[in-house]
């Protein structure tokens, strides 16, 4: 799996595919100060390290140096500016400006926040992504954050038709969305099969009406697959579980737009110093 286009919301596609520009000072990473690596939002390639980020006052994240062979430069369609793109998937990032004197490199990569992902790792060069639903996303995230090789988790909503739904709307059960988790991982440390096994081991994939005491369509078990390889791995693991006598209810669905949940739901158990009530780890695979 490389490109994640089908899971991206419209506002991201408007930037990376249609070469749009987000409003100045509106992006999540403009005033962002954490240490780590900025990735291409579409393919997960590492583009910039946090120690090359600086405040330029322009209203967009600014970097004075890219990682080797990560960013392409092309003349913009206006003929006067230089566009920058992800070197692998050609997602539009923004523009580069030279000779402004902001830093010693005399370079400013002016980048849209929506073109980027961020992880708290300063050495990774590439990432992969998985997307699951397994009941209340608070508990699912609690366990995935403990798995070695996982670089970032993000909870949200996936599978339905409503654009940018709220938690309350999803809980009412009429949006078609599932509570889901987006998992970014380092393929040099862990592979998709191990990620998928862990998914099956932290919830009950045989429950057909929800997860634990949380009942309803939004709490059902789903593997959202990005490509045929992920689908085949999930099918293999389901067959293995059924060989042990389990009647697996997990659905396999192609990815659809993932809508990030409200900030209050991100890392919920860690922030509130609680533990899950409807999830637990149980080894299931030999």
Protein backbone atom coordinates (compact mmCIF):
# COMPACT_ATOMS: atom_id res chain seq x y z
CA UNK A 1 0.00 0.00 0.00
CA UNK A 2 1.42 3.36 -1.03
CA UNK A 3 -1.18 5.95 -1.93
CA UNK A 4 -4.05 6.67 0.46
CA UNK A 5 -6.18 8.79 -1.86
CA UNK A 6 -9.46 6.96 -1.20
CA UNK A 7 -9.24 7.59 2.56
CA UNK A 8 -8.54 11.32 2.28
CA UNK A 9 -11.29 13.88 2.93
CA UNK A 10 -12.23 16.40 0.25
CA UNK A 11 -10.36 19.26 1.89
CA UNK A 12 -7.08 17.34 1.64
CA UNK A 13 -7.69 16.26 -1.95
CA UNK A 14 -8.36 19.87 -2.88
CA UNK A 15 -4.76 20.63 -1.89
CA UNK A 16 -2.72 17.61 -2.92
CA UNK A 17 -4.55 16.80 -6.17
CA UNK A 18 -6.13 20.09 -7.27
CA UNK A 19 -3.13 22.19 -6.13
CA UNK A 20 -5.21 24.37 -3.85
CA UNK A 21 -3.97 26.48 -0.94
CA UNK A 22 -5.35 26.51 2.59
CA UNK A 23 -6.07 29.83 4.24
CA UNK A 24 -3.01 31.39 5.93
CA UNK A 25 -2.74 30.79 9.70
CA UNK A 26 -5.45 28.10 9.49
CA UNK A 27 -3.28 24.97 9.35
CA UNK A 28 -2.63 22.68 12.29
CA UNK A 29 1.13 22.78 11.78
CA UNK A 30 1.68 26.52 11.34
CA UNK A 31 2.36 27.13 15.06
CA UNK A 32 3.27 23.51 15.81
CA UNK A 33 6.47 22.98 17.81
CA UNK A 34 6.84 19.25 18.51
CA UNK A 35 9.97 17.29 17.63
CA UNK A 36 9.68 14.71 14.88
CA UNK A 37 9.11 14.20 11.16
CA UNK A 38 6.64 15.60 8.65
CA UNK A 39 5.30 13.08 6.13
CA UNK A 40 3.44 13.24 2.84
CA UNK A 41 -0.24 12.91 3.74
CA UNK A 42 -0.95 10.77 0.68
CA UNK A 43 1.89 8.23 0.60
CA UNK A 44 3.60 8.47 3.99
CA UNK A 45 7.08 9.38 2.72
CA UNK A 46 9.21 11.40 5.16
CA UNK A 47 9.68 14.93 3.75
CA UNK A 48 10.99 17.29 6.48
CA UNK A 49 12.46 17.04 9.99
CA UNK A 50 11.21 19.35 12.70
CA UNK A 51 14.64 20.92 13.23
CA UNK A 52 14.42 22.47 9.74
CA UNK A 53 11.10 24.18 10.53
CA UNK A 54 11.13 27.91 11.30
CA UNK A 55 8.74 30.82 11.81
CA UNK A 56 8.59 32.92 8.67
CA UNK A 57 5.43 34.85 9.47
CA UNK A 58 3.84 33.83 6.18
CA UNK A 59 0.93 31.88 7.72
CA UNK A 60 2.00 28.43 6.52
CA UNK A 61 4.54 25.91 7.90
CA UNK A 62 8.03 26.83 6.65
CA UNK A 63 11.08 24.58 6.28
CA UNK A 64 14.54 25.56 5.10
CA UNK A 65 15.63 22.04 4.07
CA UNK A 66 13.95 18.88 2.80
CA UNK A 67 15.10 15.28 3.28
CA UNK A 68 17.29 13.94 0.43
CA UNK A 69 15.34 12.99 -2.71
CA UNK A 70 12.00 13.62 -0.99
CA UNK A 71 10.77 16.80 -2.71
CA UNK A 72 10.47 17.71 -6.38
CA UNK A 73 10.58 21.26 -7.74
CA UNK A 74 8.71 22.29 -10.86
CA UNK A 75 7.75 25.60 -12.43
CA UNK A 76 4.25 26.50 -11.26
CA UNK A 77 1.48 26.85 -13.81
CA UNK A 78 1.58 30.63 -13.20
CA UNK A 79 5.08 30.56 -14.69
CA UNK A 80 6.63 32.64 -11.91
CA UNK A 81 6.73 30.47 -8.78
CA UNK A 82 8.33 27.08 -8.09
CA UNK A 83 5.94 24.37 -6.98
CA UNK A 84 7.07 21.61 -4.60
CA UNK A 85 5.67 18.08 -4.74
CA UNK A 86 6.21 14.77 -2.98
CA UNK A 87 8.93 13.01 -4.97
CA UNK A 88 7.12 9.66 -4.80
CA UNK A 89 3.41 10.35 -5.33
CA UNK A 90 3.59 13.93 -6.66
CA UNK A 91 1.15 15.27 -4.07
CA UNK A 92 1.12 19.07 -4.14
CA UNK A 93 2.86 20.47 -1.06
CA UNK A 94 3.17 24.19 -1.74
CA UNK A 95 5.95 26.40 -3.13
CA UNK A 96 9.61 27.10 -2.46
CA UNK A 97 11.13 30.59 -2.28
CA UNK A 98 14.84 31.46 -2.40
CA UNK A 99 16.86 34.49 -1.36
CA UNK A 100 14.61 35.82 1.40
CA UNK A 101 17.30 35.67 4.08
CA UNK A 102 15.20 33.93 6.76
CA UNK A 103 17.84 31.26 7.49
CA UNK A 104 21.38 30.36 6.48
CA UNK A 105 20.10 28.17 3.66
CA UNK A 106 18.21 31.16 2.21
CA UNK A 107 15.37 28.76 1.40
CA UNK A 108 11.72 28.66 2.45
CA UNK A 109 9.56 25.65 1.65
CA UNK A 110 6.06 27.07 2.16
CA UNK A 111 3.88 24.01 2.79
CA UNK A 112 0.16 23.43 3.33
CA UNK A 113 -0.55 21.70 6.64
CA UNK A 114 -3.17 19.57 4.90
CA UNK A 115 -0.43 18.09 2.69
CA UNK A 116 1.37 16.77 5.78
CA UNK A 117 1.23 14.18 8.53
CA UNK A 118 3.40 14.43 11.63
CA UNK A 119 4.98 11.71 13.78
CA UNK A 120 7.16 11.98 16.88
CA UNK A 121 10.10 10.16 15.34
CA UNK A 122 13.17 11.90 13.89
CA UNK A 123 14.72 8.95 12.06
CA UNK A 124 11.94 7.28 10.07
CA UNK A 125 12.12 7.56 6.28
CA UNK A 126 8.90 5.83 5.25
CA UNK A 127 5.59 4.75 6.77
CA UNK A 128 2.60 2.55 6.01
CA UNK A 129 -1.00 2.85 7.16
CA UNK A 130 -3.82 0.61 8.39
CA UNK A 131 -7.45 1.46 9.14
CA UNK A 132 -9.77 -0.53 11.40
CA UNK A 133 -13.02 -0.40 13.37
CA UNK A 134 -13.34 -2.49 16.54
CA UNK A 135 -15.91 -0.91 18.81
CA UNK A 136 -15.37 2.20 20.93
CA UNK A 137 -12.31 3.85 19.44
CA UNK A 138 -11.04 4.98 22.86
CA UNK A 139 -10.12 1.41 23.80
CA UNK A 140 -8.80 0.48 20.36
CA UNK A 141 -6.40 3.44 20.41
CA UNK A 142 -5.31 2.66 23.98
CA UNK A 143 -3.92 -0.71 22.84
CA UNK A 144 -2.54 0.28 19.45
CA UNK A 145 -0.45 3.01 21.06
CA UNK A 146 1.34 0.29 23.03
CA UNK A 147 2.33 -1.77 19.99
CA UNK A 148 6.04 -1.42 19.04
CA UNK A 149 6.45 -0.06 15.53
CA UNK A 150 3.29 2.05 15.65
CA UNK A 151 4.24 5.68 15.05
CA UNK A 152 0.89 7.44 15.24
CA UNK A 153 -2.76 6.71 15.94
CA UNK A 154 -5.76 8.86 15.15
CA UNK A 155 -9.40 8.06 15.89
CA UNK A 156 -12.28 9.10 13.69
CA UNK A 157 -15.18 8.00 11.55
CA UNK A 158 -15.19 5.93 8.36
CA UNK A 159 -17.52 3.94 6.12
CA UNK A 160 -20.49 6.28 5.93
CA UNK A 161 -21.71 8.93 3.54
CA UNK A 162 -21.96 12.01 5.77
CA UNK A 163 -19.20 14.57 5.33
CA UNK A 164 -17.26 15.44 8.48
CA UNK A 165 -19.71 13.93 11.00
CA UNK A 166 -19.70 14.76 14.69
CA UNK A 167 -19.42 12.23 17.52
CA UNK A 168 -23.05 12.86 18.47
CA UNK A 169 -24.21 12.23 14.90
CA UNK A 170 -22.28 8.96 14.65
CA UNK A 171 -23.58 7.81 18.04
CA UNK A 172 -27.15 8.28 16.83
CA UNK A 173 -26.36 5.51 14.36
CA UNK A 174 -27.77 7.04 11.19
CA UNK A 175 -24.63 8.28 9.41
CA UNK A 176 -23.42 4.86 8.24
CA UNK A 177 -20.04 5.56 9.84
CA UNK A 178 -18.08 3.26 12.13
CA UNK A 179 -15.86 4.46 14.97
CA UNK A 180 -12.46 3.82 13.42
CA UNK A 181 -8.74 4.17 14.02
CA UNK A 182 -6.01 5.19 11.62
CA UNK A 183 -2.64 3.56 12.39
CA UNK A 184 0.66 4.76 10.94
CA UNK A 185 3.54 2.33 11.39
CA UNK A 186 7.18 1.84 10.45
CA UNK A 187 7.39 -1.06 7.94
CA UNK A 188 10.99 -1.67 9.03
CA UNK A 189 9.78 -2.51 12.54
CA UNK A 190 6.42 -4.21 11.96
CA UNK A 191 4.40 -5.46 9.00
CA UNK A 192 0.72 -5.30 8.15
CA UNK A 193 0.06 -8.91 9.10
CA UNK A 194 1.27 -8.31 12.66
CA UNK A 195 -0.79 -5.11 12.82
CA UNK A 196 -3.89 -6.99 11.64
CA UNK A 197 -3.32 -9.86 14.08
CA UNK A 198 -3.13 -7.34 16.91
CA UNK A 199 -6.43 -5.82 15.75
CA UNK A 200 -8.14 -9.21 16.04
CA UNK A 201 -6.52 -9.83 19.44
CA UNK A 202 -7.69 -6.64 21.18
CA UNK A 203 -11.41 -7.08 20.53
CA UNK A 204 -14.00 -9.79 19.98
CA UNK A 205 -14.37 -10.22 16.21
CA UNK A 206 -17.22 -12.71 16.70
CA UNK A 207 -19.63 -10.20 18.25
CA UNK A 208 -22.23 -9.20 15.69
CA UNK A 209 -24.11 -6.35 17.39
CA UNK A 210 -21.30 -4.11 18.60
CA UNK A 211 -18.41 -4.53 21.00
CA UNK A 212 -18.87 -5.42 24.63
CA UNK A 213 -21.71 -3.35 26.08
CA UNK A 214 -21.50 -0.82 23.24
CA UNK A 215 -24.19 -1.87 20.78
CA UNK A 216 -25.00 -0.44 17.38
CA UNK A 217 -23.76 -0.27 13.80
CA UNK A 218 -21.08 2.30 14.68
CA UNK A 219 -19.36 -0.23 17.00
CA UNK A 220 -19.05 -3.14 14.56
CA UNK A 221 -15.78 -4.83 13.59
CA UNK A 222 -14.31 -3.81 10.22
CA UNK A 223 -11.02 -4.08 8.35
CA UNK A 224 -10.80 -1.22 5.85
CA UNK A 225 -8.29 -2.38 3.24
CA UNK A 226 -6.16 -0.02 1.12
CA UNK A 227 -5.13 -2.62 -1.45
CA UNK A 228 -5.52 -6.25 -2.45
CA UNK A 229 -2.56 -7.32 -0.30
CA UNK A 230 -4.18 -5.99 2.88
CA UNK A 231 -7.48 -7.63 1.92
CA UNK A 232 -5.81 -11.00 1.34
CA UNK A 233 -3.96 -10.85 4.65
CA UNK A 234 -7.20 -10.07 6.51
CA UNK A 235 -8.98 -12.93 4.71
CA UNK A 236 -6.18 -15.31 5.66
CA UNK A 237 -6.34 -14.31 9.33
CA UNK A 238 -10.13 -14.65 9.41
CA UNK A 239 -9.83 -18.12 7.92
CA UNK A 240 -7.26 -19.00 10.57
CA UNK A 241 -9.54 -17.83 13.37
CA UNK A 242 -12.45 -19.76 11.89
CA UNK A 243 -10.20 -22.81 11.86
CA UNK A 244 -10.04 -22.46 15.64
CA UNK A 245 -13.85 -22.52 15.76
CA UNK A 246 -14.57 -18.77 15.83
CA UNK A 247 -17.48 -17.43 13.79
CA UNK A 248 -15.89 -14.16 12.72
CA UNK A 249 -18.26 -11.23 12.09
CA UNK A 250 -15.58 -8.77 10.95
CA UNK A 251 -16.45 -7.03 7.68
CA UNK A 252 -13.86 -6.35 4.96
CA UNK A 253 -14.50 -3.02 3.24
CA UNK A 254 -12.41 -0.88 0.87
CA UNK A 255 -11.21 2.33 2.49
CA UNK A 256 -13.40 5.41 2.21
CA UNK A 257 -12.84 8.93 3.54
CA UNK A 258 -11.62 8.98 7.13
CA UNK A 259 -12.86 11.91 9.19
CA UNK A 260 -10.74 12.75 12.22
CA UNK A 261 -12.73 12.80 15.46
CA UNK A 262 -12.86 15.79 17.75
CA UNK A 263 -9.71 16.54 19.79
CA UNK A 264 -11.41 15.47 23.02
CA UNK A 265 -11.61 11.90 21.68
CA UNK A 266 -7.94 11.61 20.67
CA UNK A 267 -5.88 9.60 23.22
CA UNK A 268 -8.96 9.66 25.48
CA UNK A 269 -7.85 7.08 28.03
CA UNK A 270 -4.33 8.46 28.28
CA UNK A 271 -5.60 12.00 28.87
CA UNK A 272 -8.18 10.88 31.42
CA UNK A 273 -5.95 8.30 33.13
CA UNK A 274 -8.44 5.50 32.64
CA UNK A 275 -8.35 2.02 31.10
CA UNK A 276 -10.70 0.39 28.58
CA UNK A 277 -13.89 -1.24 29.77
CA UNK A 278 -14.72 -3.21 26.62
CA UNK A 279 -11.32 -4.14 25.16
CA UNK A 280 -8.53 -6.40 26.34
CA UNK A 281 -5.60 -8.15 24.73
CA UNK A 282 -5.96 -11.91 24.21
CA UNK A 283 -3.45 -13.88 22.12
CA UNK A 284 -5.38 -15.74 19.42
CA UNK A 285 -2.86 -16.76 16.76
CA UNK A 286 -0.34 -19.57 17.12
